Amino acid sequence: MKIRDCMKRQVYTLPDTACVRDAVDFVLRYHVGMLPVVDAEGKLVGVVKLRDLLELGMPDFVSLVEDFAFVSHFGAGELQQPDPADLARPVREVMHEPIFVEENSSPMYAAALLHHHAIRDLPVVNEHGVLIGLASHVDIGCAVMRAWKLG
């Protein structure tokens, strides 16, 4: 089995020409926690994570807190607004180098990358670096369980 056999093929991507406001719109529209950023040829050039976007509008100290339970006692942090200049910034300024896997890789290798980098979604590219899908630990786990003889 290859990772291309168990990945999601419908992936919402953001063009590398987009601004941060566009990334926020995509997250709100599609309810995703990570957006692959692609160039004009569809090649994966970066990723924008939900946390990156939330940090624009939340107090700096929140990023240092491991347990958010006490944050509500300090006021309405969730009502903070990002600076309009931050929303207008090019997405290239906030995106990260992508961690990805090639389509012919094994699901266990993909699972190891997810675990090692503590990420939830892993972009899948073809041999030319073009994004073709997205794999999560759930996709991989389901693929493993499909092979089980249950009856």
C-alpha atoms as a PDB file:
ATOM      1  CA  MET A   1       0.000   0.000   0.000  1.00  0.00           C
ATOM      2  CA  LYS A   2       1.130   3.543  -0.761  1.00  0.00           C
ATOM      3  CA  ILE A   3       0.090   6.777   0.926  1.00  0.00           C
ATOM      4  CA  ARG A   4      -1.643   7.845  -2.307  1.00  0.00           C
ATOM      5  CA  ASP A   5      -4.069   4.945  -1.702  1.00  0.00           C
ATOM      6  CA  CYS A   6      -5.385   6.344   1.584  1.00  0.00           C
ATOM      7  CA  MET A   7      -5.050  10.140   1.351  1.00  0.00           C
ATOM      8  CA  LYS A   8      -7.772  12.736   0.843  1.00  0.00           C
ATOM      9  CA  ARG A   9      -7.753  14.016  -2.706  1.00  0.00           C
ATOM     10  CA  GLN A  10      -9.952  17.055  -2.146  1.00  0.00           C
ATOM     11  CA  VAL A  11      -7.552  19.574  -0.649  1.00  0.00           C
ATOM     12  CA  TYR A  12      -8.200  23.261  -0.169  1.00  0.00           C
ATOM     13  CA  THR A  13      -5.082  25.174  -1.146  1.00  0.00           C
ATOM     14  CA  LEU A  14      -4.013  28.761  -0.995  1.00  0.00           C
ATOM     15  CA  PRO A  15      -2.077  30.390  -3.844  1.00  0.00           C
ATOM     16  CA  ASP A  16       1.287  31.845  -2.882  1.00  0.00           C
ATOM     17  CA  THR A  17       0.035  35.222  -4.144  1.00  0.00           C
ATOM     18  CA  ALA A  18      -2.666  35.363  -1.434  1.00  0.00           C
ATOM     19  CA  CYS A  19      -2.658  37.583   1.625  1.00  0.00           C
ATOM     20  CA  VAL A  20      -3.234  36.576   5.239  1.00  0.00           C
ATOM     21  CA  ARG A  21      -6.866  37.764   5.023  1.00  0.00           C
ATOM     22  CA  ASP A  22      -7.400  35.181   2.243  1.00  0.00           C
ATOM     23  CA  ALA A  23      -5.984  32.467   4.515  1.00  0.00           C
ATOM     24  CA  VAL A  24      -8.400  33.455   7.295  1.00  0.00           C
ATOM     25  CA  ASP A  25     -11.300  33.361   4.809  1.00  0.00           C
ATOM     26  CA  PHE A  26     -10.283  29.835   3.681  1.00  0.00           C
ATOM     27  CA  VAL A  27     -10.076  28.545   7.256  1.00  0.00           C
ATOM     28  CA  LEU A  28     -13.491  29.994   8.068  1.00  0.00           C
ATOM     29  CA  ARG A  29     -15.090  28.685   4.872  1.00  0.00           C
ATOM     30  CA  TYR A  30     -13.642  25.163   4.908  1.00  0.00           C
ATOM     31  CA  HIS A  31     -12.989  24.579   8.644  1.00  0.00           C
ATOM     32  CA  VAL A  32      -9.431  23.385   8.138  1.00  0.00           C
ATOM     33  CA  GLY A  33      -6.503  23.662  10.506  1.00  0.00           C
ATOM     34  CA  MET A  34      -3.755  23.723   7.893  1.00  0.00           C
ATOM     35  CA  LEU A  35      -3.636  25.238   4.425  1.00  0.00           C
ATOM     36  CA  PRO A  36      -1.092  24.067   1.891  1.00  0.00           C
ATOM     37  CA  VAL A  37       0.298  27.008  -0.105  1.00  0.00           C
ATOM     38  CA  VAL A  38       0.992  26.292  -3.784  1.00  0.00           C
ATOM     39  CA  ASP A  39       2.610  28.200  -6.626  1.00  0.00           C
ATOM     40  CA  ALA A  40       1.078  28.751 -10.091  1.00  0.00           C
ATOM     41  CA  GLU A  41       2.116  25.221 -11.163  1.00  0.00           C
ATOM     42  CA  GLY A  42       0.482  23.611  -8.120  1.00  0.00           C
ATOM     43  CA  LYS A  43       3.810  22.878  -6.421  1.00  0.00           C
ATOM     44  CA  LEU A  44       3.769  22.884  -2.636  1.00  0.00           C
ATOM     45  CA  VAL A  45       5.765  25.866  -1.354  1.00  0.00           C
ATOM     46  CA  GLY A  46       4.569  26.207   2.236  1.00  0.00           C
ATOM     47  CA  VAL A  47       1.822  25.711   4.794  1.00  0.00           C
ATOM     48  CA  VAL A  48      -0.186  28.088   6.947  1.00  0.00           C
ATOM     49  CA  LYS A  49      -1.503  26.677  10.215  1.00  0.00           C
ATOM     50  CA  LEU A  50      -4.543  27.752  12.189  1.00  0.00           C
ATOM     51  CA  ARG A  51      -2.272  28.635  15.115  1.00  0.00           C
ATOM     52  CA  ASP A  52      -0.296  31.057  12.915  1.00  0.00           C
ATOM     53  CA  LEU A  53      -3.495  32.914  12.099  1.00  0.00           C
ATOM     54  CA  LEU A  54      -4.868  32.895  15.648  1.00  0.00           C
ATOM     55  CA  GLU A  55      -1.648  34.363  16.991  1.00  0.00           C
ATOM     56  CA  LEU A  56      -2.297  37.485  14.907  1.00  0.00           C
ATOM     57  CA  GLY A  57      -5.352  38.354  16.982  1.00  0.00           C
ATOM     58  CA  MET A  58      -4.559  36.900  20.394  1.00  0.00           C
ATOM     59  CA  PRO A  59      -2.321  38.316  23.103  1.00  0.00           C
ATOM     60  CA  ASP A  60       1.321  37.316  22.853  1.00  0.00           C
ATOM     61  CA  PHE A  61       1.286  35.576  26.220  1.00  0.00           C
ATOM     62  CA  VAL A  62      -1.228  32.992  24.968  1.00  0.00           C
ATOM     63  CA  SER A  63       1.406  31.398  22.766  1.00  0.00           C
ATOM     64  CA  LEU A  64       3.487  30.758  25.890  1.00  0.00           C
ATOM     65  CA  VAL A  65       0.687  29.081  27.811  1.00  0.00           C
ATOM     66  CA  GLU A  66       0.419  25.296  27.773  1.00  0.00           C
ATOM     67  CA  ASP A  67      -2.943  25.194  29.522  1.00  0.00           C
ATOM     68  CA  PHE A  68      -5.551  27.627  28.241  1.00  0.00           C
ATOM     69  CA  ALA A  69      -7.947  26.949  31.136  1.00  0.00           C
ATOM     70  CA  PHE A  70      -6.903  30.009  33.134  1.00  0.00           C
ATOM     71  CA  VAL A  71      -6.759  32.465  30.202  1.00  0.00           C
ATOM     72  CA  SER A  72     -10.440  33.379  30.501  1.00  0.00           C
ATOM     73  CA  HIS A  73      -9.724  34.899  33.913  1.00  0.00           C
ATOM     74  CA  PHE A  74      -7.597  37.592  32.259  1.00  0.00           C
ATOM     75  CA  GLY A  75     -10.333  38.955  30.008  1.00  0.00           C
ATOM     76  CA  ALA A  76     -11.804  38.303  26.636  1.00  0.00           C
ATOM     77  CA  GLY A  77      -8.733  37.181  24.734  1.00  0.00           C
ATOM     78  CA  GLU A  78     -10.908  35.674  22.039  1.00  0.00           C
ATOM     79  CA  LEU A  79     -12.250  39.155  21.249  1.00  0.00           C
ATOM     80  CA  GLN A  80      -8.822  40.526  20.316  1.00  0.00           C
ATOM     81  CA  GLN A  81      -8.552  41.701  16.723  1.00  0.00           C
ATOM     82  CA  PRO A  82      -5.531  41.383  14.483  1.00  0.00           C
ATOM     83  CA  ASP A  83      -3.915  44.503  13.143  1.00  0.00           C
ATOM     84  CA  PRO A  84      -5.350  45.219   9.656  1.00  0.00           C
ATOM     85  CA  ALA A  85      -1.766  45.521   8.389  1.00  0.00           C
ATOM     86  CA  ASP A  86      -1.147  41.913   9.454  1.00  0.00           C
ATOM     87  CA  LEU A  87      -4.184  40.739   7.482  1.00  0.00           C
ATOM     88  CA  ALA A  88      -2.876  42.491   4.376  1.00  0.00           C
ATOM     89  CA  ARG A  89       0.564  40.847   4.618  1.00  0.00           C
ATOM     90  CA  PRO A  90       1.489  38.338   1.905  1.00  0.00           C
ATOM     91  CA  VAL A  91       0.859  34.779   3.021  1.00  0.00           C
ATOM     92  CA  ARG A  92       4.492  34.003   2.150  1.00  0.00           C
ATOM     93  CA  GLU A  93       5.489  36.029   5.240  1.00  0.00           C
ATOM     94  CA  VAL A  94       3.591  33.778   7.668  1.00  0.00           C
ATOM     95  CA  MET A  95       3.808  30.375   5.989  1.00  0.00           C
ATOM     96  CA  HIS A  96       6.224  27.658   7.076  1.00  0.00           C
ATOM     97  CA  GLU A  97       8.397  25.246   5.133  1.00  0.00           C
ATOM     98  CA  PRO A  98       6.158  22.298   4.359  1.00  0.00           C
ATOM     99  CA  ILE A  99       6.688  18.863   5.814  1.00  0.00           C
ATOM    100  CA  PHE A 100       5.386  16.508   3.156  1.00  0.00           C
ATOM    101  CA  VAL A 101       5.542  12.985   1.819  1.00  0.00           C
ATOM    102  CA  GLU A 102       5.807  11.679  -1.735  1.00  0.00           C
ATOM    103  CA  GLU A 103       2.874   9.693  -3.075  1.00  0.00           C
ATOM    104  CA  ASN A 104       4.824   6.416  -3.332  1.00  0.00           C
ATOM    105  CA  SER A 105       5.804   6.452   0.339  1.00  0.00           C
ATOM    106  CA  SER A 106       4.353   3.939   2.749  1.00  0.00           C
ATOM    107  CA  PRO A 107       1.564   4.917   5.139  1.00  0.00           C
ATOM    108  CA  MET A 108       3.814   3.947   8.059  1.00  0.00           C
ATOM    109  CA  TYR A 109       6.494   6.386   6.894  1.00  0.00           C
ATOM    110  CA  ALA A 110       3.806   9.086   6.667  1.00  0.00           C
ATOM    111  CA  ALA A 111       2.598   8.166  10.158  1.00  0.00           C
ATOM    112  CA  ALA A 112       6.162   8.467  11.452  1.00  0.00           C
ATOM    113  CA  LEU A 113       6.429  11.986   9.958  1.00  0.00           C
ATOM    114  CA  LEU A 114       3.111  13.002  11.517  1.00  0.00           C
ATOM    115  CA  HIS A 115       4.260  11.740  14.898  1.00  0.00           C
ATOM    116  CA  HIS A 116       7.822  13.074  14.732  1.00  0.00           C
ATOM    117  CA  HIS A 117       6.743  16.584  13.744  1.00  0.00           C
ATOM    118  CA  ALA A 118       3.606  16.585  15.941  1.00  0.00           C
ATOM    119  CA  ILE A 119       1.364  17.566  13.034  1.00  0.00           C
ATOM    120  CA  ARG A 120      -2.134  16.414  12.155  1.00  0.00           C
ATOM    121  CA  ASP A 121      -2.117  16.684   8.376  1.00  0.00           C
ATOM    122  CA  LEU A 122       0.588  15.796   5.903  1.00  0.00           C
ATOM    123  CA  PRO A 123       0.622  17.115   2.326  1.00  0.00           C
ATOM    124  CA  VAL A 124       1.242  14.462  -0.339  1.00  0.00           C
ATOM    125  CA  VAL A 125       3.094  15.438  -3.522  1.00  0.00           C
ATOM    126  CA  ASN A 126       3.893  13.673  -6.778  1.00  0.00           C
ATOM    127  CA  GLU A 127       7.404  13.248  -8.172  1.00  0.00           C
ATOM    128  CA  HIS A 128       7.318  16.844  -9.483  1.00  0.00           C
ATOM    129  CA  GLY A 129       6.422  18.368  -6.120  1.00  0.00           C
ATOM    130  CA  VAL A 130       2.828  19.047  -7.156  1.00  0.00           C
ATOM    131  CA  LEU A 131       0.343  18.710  -4.314  1.00  0.00           C
ATOM    132  CA  ILE A 132      -2.029  15.798  -4.960  1.00  0.00           C
ATOM    133  CA  GLY A 133      -3.546  15.095  -1.547  1.00  0.00           C
ATOM    134  CA  LEU A 134      -3.455  15.301   2.204  1.00  0.00           C
ATOM    135  CA  ALA A 135      -3.054  12.443   4.690  1.00  0.00           C
ATOM    136  CA  SER A 136      -3.943  12.448   8.378  1.00  0.00           C
ATOM    137  CA  HIS A 137      -3.388   9.917  11.136  1.00  0.00           C
ATOM    138  CA  VAL A 138      -7.068   8.967  10.764  1.00  0.00           C
ATOM    139  CA  ASP A 139      -6.629   8.275   7.026  1.00  0.00           C
ATOM    140  CA  ILE A 140      -3.636   6.068   7.769  1.00  0.00           C
ATOM    141  CA  GLY A 141      -5.309   4.281  10.681  1.00  0.00           C
ATOM    142  CA  CYS A 142      -8.390   3.526   8.577  1.00  0.00           C
ATOM    143  CA  ALA A 143      -6.210   2.155   5.780  1.00  0.00           C
ATOM    144  CA  VAL A 144      -4.512  -0.210   8.234  1.00  0.00           C
ATOM    145  CA  MET A 145      -7.828  -1.358   9.699  1.00  0.00           C
ATOM    146  CA  ARG A 146      -9.322  -2.013   6.226  1.00  0.00           C
ATOM    147  CA  ALA A 147      -6.747  -4.777   5.842  1.00  0.00           C
ATOM    148  CA  TRP A 148      -7.880  -6.509   9.040  1.00  0.00           C
ATOM    149  CA  LYS A 149      -9.841  -9.721   8.753  1.00  0.00           C
ATOM    150  CA  LEU A 150     -12.798  -8.958  10.994  1.00  0.00           C
ATOM    151  CA  GLY A 151     -15.056 -11.863  10.306  1.00  0.00           C
END
